[in-house]
């Protein structure tokens, strides 16, 4: 049995939650039943031939829905943002390997940068008050999902590039005083590299969700390569099939 399904699903809700950031809820019972935090879907929008990968933000198995939060970055995501509730959308889901949460009684640090924040929400839920989110955004206008994380019991710390919300500076500036047992991170590669280094110095587990351009989403096109460490030396894996979540210590963090 395939781990993913292709289906024409109905859009139930759509909202622009920040300039250029959209929150989409889709009815897809089978995909919702199989999905795990950290996985993603490939959306096929009308008039486009290539699918667009978007990470799962929320899973509601009882109601058979998946939630996605995405940023308009090109023609494909712009076309997706123009679809309305009641319209169908074709998606391939769930794809990739999600987060291995392990013991949710541990103190968990979630580190997100920009559109790397939404994939962390579903993962943070089981940790409740044992979770802290450190998130970085460009400005106040780009801050998303703060209330959603806090509704799970998670503490939130925000940094913005311009200081218009939270602390001015980098997301790593938010976590120097924190004690944690495990780290989950998603965002730009320089941020992930820095988080992985910090986790290594602290001697704690770190799992990172990588963001790479991809076309097929199932490992066929070989377009989303990432260099990894293996028992027999370095090799190239693929974000869509081997990830998008990796143990940070297995990633070759090239400058």
Protein backbone atom coordinates (compact mmCIF):
# COMPACT_ATOMS: atom_id res chain seq x y z
CA UNK A 1 0.00 0.00 0.00
CA UNK A 2 1.30 3.43 -0.91
CA UNK A 3 2.17 5.78 1.92
CA UNK A 4 0.63 8.64 -0.03
CA UNK A 5 -2.49 9.32 -2.10
CA UNK A 6 -3.34 11.49 -5.08
CA UNK A 7 -6.73 13.08 -4.70
CA UNK A 8 -8.91 15.99 -5.73
CA UNK A 9 -9.67 17.58 -2.38
CA UNK A 10 -12.02 20.37 -1.43
CA UNK A 11 -10.74 23.61 0.04
CA UNK A 12 -12.71 24.28 3.22
CA UNK A 13 -11.09 27.46 4.53
CA UNK A 14 -8.71 30.10 3.23
CA UNK A 15 -7.40 33.20 4.95
CA UNK A 16 -4.56 35.65 4.39
CA UNK A 17 -2.99 35.74 7.86
CA UNK A 18 -0.19 38.19 6.97
CA UNK A 19 0.73 40.00 3.75
CA UNK A 20 1.49 37.22 1.26
CA UNK A 21 0.95 34.40 3.79
CA UNK A 22 -2.09 32.15 3.37
CA UNK A 23 -3.74 29.62 5.68
CA UNK A 24 -5.51 26.79 3.83
CA UNK A 25 -7.61 23.94 5.24
CA UNK A 26 -8.28 21.06 2.86
CA UNK A 27 -10.64 18.10 3.19
CA UNK A 28 -8.64 14.92 2.50
CA UNK A 29 -9.58 12.16 4.94
CA UNK A 30 -7.18 9.44 3.78
CA UNK A 31 -4.16 11.75 3.69
CA UNK A 32 -5.07 13.17 7.10
CA UNK A 33 -5.28 9.66 8.53
CA UNK A 34 -1.74 8.85 7.34
CA UNK A 35 -0.04 12.21 7.88
CA UNK A 36 2.60 12.96 10.52
CA UNK A 37 4.07 16.24 11.72
CA UNK A 38 6.86 17.35 9.40
CA UNK A 39 5.53 15.75 6.22
CA UNK A 40 4.41 17.71 3.17
CA UNK A 41 2.06 17.67 0.18
CA UNK A 42 2.57 18.41 -3.50
CA UNK A 43 -0.16 20.71 -4.82
CA UNK A 44 -1.17 20.82 -8.48
CA UNK A 45 -2.93 24.08 -9.24
CA UNK A 46 -5.01 24.82 -12.36
CA UNK A 47 -2.96 25.98 -15.33
CA UNK A 48 0.35 24.71 -13.92
CA UNK A 49 2.23 21.53 -14.79
CA UNK A 50 4.65 21.32 -11.86
CA UNK A 51 3.42 20.60 -8.37
CA UNK A 52 4.30 22.91 -5.46
CA UNK A 53 5.53 21.41 -2.18
CA UNK A 54 3.92 22.78 0.98
CA UNK A 55 4.54 21.48 4.49
CA UNK A 56 1.73 20.23 6.68
CA UNK A 57 0.92 22.74 9.41
CA UNK A 58 -1.95 20.93 11.10
CA UNK A 59 -3.59 17.49 11.10
CA UNK A 60 -7.22 16.90 12.14
CA UNK A 61 -7.85 13.18 11.77
CA UNK A 62 -11.30 13.35 13.37
CA UNK A 63 -12.56 15.73 10.68
CA UNK A 64 -10.33 14.41 7.89
CA UNK A 65 -8.55 17.69 7.18
CA UNK A 66 -5.04 19.00 6.67
CA UNK A 67 -3.93 22.56 7.28
CA UNK A 68 -1.26 24.31 5.22
CA UNK A 69 0.31 27.74 5.68
CA UNK A 70 2.33 29.01 2.74
CA UNK A 71 3.90 32.16 1.37
CA UNK A 72 3.32 33.43 -2.16
CA UNK A 73 6.72 33.18 -3.82
CA UNK A 74 5.95 32.64 -7.49
CA UNK A 75 3.24 31.91 -10.04
CA UNK A 76 2.33 28.52 -8.60
CA UNK A 77 1.77 29.65 -5.02
CA UNK A 78 0.04 32.79 -6.30
CA UNK A 79 -2.40 30.62 -8.26
CA UNK A 80 -2.98 28.51 -5.16
CA UNK A 81 -3.68 31.63 -3.10
CA UNK A 82 -6.45 32.60 -5.52
CA UNK A 83 -8.45 29.40 -4.99
CA UNK A 84 -11.48 29.73 -2.72
CA UNK A 85 -13.43 27.53 -0.30
CA UNK A 86 -15.57 25.03 -2.17
CA UNK A 87 -13.10 24.67 -5.04
CA UNK A 88 -11.14 21.46 -5.64
CA UNK A 89 -7.37 21.18 -5.51
CA UNK A 90 -5.30 18.16 -6.48
CA UNK A 91 -2.68 17.09 -3.99
CA UNK A 92 -0.24 14.26 -3.45
CA UNK A 93 0.06 13.56 0.28
CA UNK A 94 1.45 12.81 2.75
CA UNK A 95 5.02 12.80 1.45
CA UNK A 96 8.45 12.49 3.04
CA UNK A 97 9.51 11.49 6.52
CA UNK A 98 8.11 13.47 9.41
CA UNK A 99 9.50 14.36 12.82
CA UNK A 100 10.30 11.53 15.25
CA UNK A 101 9.04 13.22 18.41
CA UNK A 102 10.23 10.60 20.88
CA UNK A 103 9.46 11.23 24.54
CA UNK A 104 7.15 14.26 24.66
CA UNK A 105 7.78 14.80 28.38
CA UNK A 106 11.21 16.19 27.46
CA UNK A 107 11.97 19.90 27.21
CA UNK A 108 11.72 20.61 23.49
CA UNK A 109 13.07 23.62 21.63
CA UNK A 110 11.47 24.48 18.30
CA UNK A 111 13.44 26.87 16.09
CA UNK A 112 11.83 28.33 12.98
CA UNK A 113 12.71 30.94 10.43
CA UNK A 114 10.00 32.60 8.35
CA UNK A 115 7.94 30.09 6.42
CA UNK A 116 9.88 27.39 8.28
CA UNK A 117 7.66 28.03 11.32
CA UNK A 118 4.41 26.34 10.11
CA UNK A 119 5.85 22.78 9.86
CA UNK A 120 6.74 22.96 13.56
CA UNK A 121 3.24 23.62 14.89
CA UNK A 122 1.87 20.09 14.70
CA UNK A 123 5.11 18.74 16.18
CA UNK A 124 4.92 21.13 19.14
CA UNK A 125 1.37 20.18 20.17
CA UNK A 126 2.16 16.95 22.07
CA UNK A 127 4.87 18.70 24.12
CA UNK A 128 2.48 21.33 25.47
CA UNK A 129 4.12 23.40 28.21
CA UNK A 130 7.38 21.50 27.73
CA UNK A 131 7.90 23.30 24.42
CA UNK A 132 9.49 26.64 23.57
CA UNK A 133 9.32 28.20 20.11
CA UNK A 134 12.10 30.54 19.02
CA UNK A 135 11.05 32.08 15.73
CA UNK A 136 12.64 34.64 13.46
CA UNK A 137 10.87 36.86 10.93
CA UNK A 138 11.80 39.83 8.79
CA UNK A 139 9.36 42.24 10.41
CA UNK A 140 6.14 42.57 12.41
CA UNK A 141 4.07 42.13 9.24
CA UNK A 142 5.60 38.69 8.65
CA UNK A 143 5.01 37.25 12.14
CA UNK A 144 2.69 34.25 11.84
CA UNK A 145 1.17 31.54 14.08
CA UNK A 146 2.30 33.01 17.41
CA UNK A 147 -1.17 32.59 18.92
CA UNK A 148 -1.47 29.07 17.51
CA UNK A 149 1.70 27.94 19.27
CA UNK A 150 0.70 29.62 22.53
CA UNK A 151 -2.70 27.89 22.43
CA UNK A 152 -0.86 24.55 22.74
CA UNK A 153 0.88 25.71 25.94
CA UNK A 154 4.12 26.46 24.12
CA UNK A 155 6.19 29.48 25.19
CA UNK A 156 7.01 31.75 22.24
CA UNK A 157 10.02 33.97 21.67
CA UNK A 158 10.14 36.14 18.56
CA UNK A 159 12.97 37.98 16.82
CA UNK A 160 12.67 40.27 13.81
CA UNK A 161 15.37 41.58 11.52
CA UNK A 162 14.25 45.19 11.99
CA UNK A 163 13.20 45.00 15.64
CA UNK A 164 9.58 45.89 14.86
CA UNK A 165 8.33 42.91 16.91
CA UNK A 166 10.00 41.01 19.72
CA UNK A 167 13.77 41.17 19.88
CA UNK A 168 15.90 42.70 17.15
CA UNK A 169 18.41 40.23 15.77
CA UNK A 170 18.82 36.56 14.93
CA UNK A 171 16.69 33.71 16.18
CA UNK A 172 19.68 32.18 17.97
CA UNK A 173 19.83 35.30 20.14
CA UNK A 174 16.60 34.07 21.76
CA UNK A 175 17.81 30.76 23.12
CA UNK A 176 21.09 31.29 24.93
CA UNK A 177 19.48 31.03 28.37
CA UNK A 178 17.27 28.03 27.61
CA UNK A 179 17.71 24.48 28.85
CA UNK A 180 16.38 21.82 26.48
CA UNK A 181 16.66 18.10 25.77
CA UNK A 182 15.80 17.97 22.07
CA UNK A 183 15.66 20.44 19.18
CA UNK A 184 13.39 20.56 16.14
CA UNK A 185 14.17 23.18 13.50
CA UNK A 186 13.00 24.34 10.09
CA UNK A 187 14.11 27.35 8.08
CA UNK A 188 16.96 28.71 5.96
CA UNK A 189 20.05 26.52 5.73
CA UNK A 190 22.40 29.00 7.51
CA UNK A 191 20.00 29.02 10.46
CA UNK A 192 19.78 25.23 10.51
CA UNK A 193 23.57 24.94 10.40
CA UNK A 194 23.89 27.27 13.41
CA UNK A 195 21.17 25.42 15.33
CA UNK A 196 22.82 22.07 14.59
CA UNK A 197 26.13 23.40 15.88
CA UNK A 198 24.52 24.64 19.09
CA UNK A 199 22.79 21.31 19.66
CA UNK A 200 26.07 19.47 19.12
CA UNK A 201 27.80 21.73 21.64
CA UNK A 202 25.00 21.09 24.15
CA UNK A 203 25.03 17.35 23.47
CA UNK A 204 21.32 17.15 22.62
CA UNK A 205 19.37 15.57 19.77
CA UNK A 206 18.56 17.85 16.85
CA UNK A 207 16.21 17.14 13.97
CA UNK A 208 16.06 19.55 11.05
CA UNK A 209 13.51 19.93 8.27
CA UNK A 210 15.29 20.95 5.07
CA UNK A 211 13.84 23.27 2.45
CA UNK A 212 14.91 22.58 -1.14
CA UNK A 213 13.30 23.10 -4.52
CA UNK A 214 11.71 19.90 -5.80
CA UNK A 215 9.55 18.81 -8.69
CA UNK A 216 8.23 15.28 -8.23
CA UNK A 217 8.17 14.91 -4.44
CA UNK A 218 8.72 11.13 -4.53
CA UNK A 219 12.43 10.76 -5.38
CA UNK A 220 12.06 10.26 -9.13
CA UNK A 221 13.47 13.51 -10.52
CA UNK A 222 16.53 13.59 -8.19
CA UNK A 223 16.35 17.37 -8.05
CA UNK A 224 16.39 18.07 -4.30
CA UNK A 225 19.78 16.63 -3.36
CA UNK A 226 21.32 17.06 0.08
CA UNK A 227 24.76 15.84 1.16
CA UNK A 228 24.66 13.37 4.02
CA UNK A 229 27.08 11.37 6.16
CA UNK A 230 26.88 7.60 5.97
CA UNK A 231 28.76 4.64 7.44
CA UNK A 232 30.71 4.31 4.20
CA UNK A 233 31.33 8.02 3.65
CA UNK A 234 29.39 11.01 2.37
CA UNK A 235 26.61 10.54 -0.17
CA UNK A 236 23.73 12.48 -1.69
CA UNK A 237 20.23 11.85 -0.43
CA UNK A 238 17.04 13.63 -1.42
CA UNK A 239 14.92 15.95 0.66
CA UNK A 240 11.61 14.66 -0.72
CA UNK A 241 12.27 10.96 -0.16
CA UNK A 242 14.90 10.70 2.58
CA UNK A 243 13.66 13.82 4.37
CA UNK A 244 12.55 16.51 4.64
CA UNK A 245 13.44 15.75 8.27
CA UNK A 246 16.98 14.59 9.04
CA UNK A 247 19.04 14.05 12.17
CA UNK A 248 21.26 17.14 12.12
CA UNK A 249 24.41 15.11 12.72
CA UNK A 250 23.89 13.25 9.43
CA UNK A 251 23.82 16.43 7.31
CA UNK A 252 27.06 17.72 5.77
CA UNK A 253 26.81 21.43 6.58
CA UNK A 254 28.89 22.95 3.82
CA UNK A 255 29.62 26.67 4.02
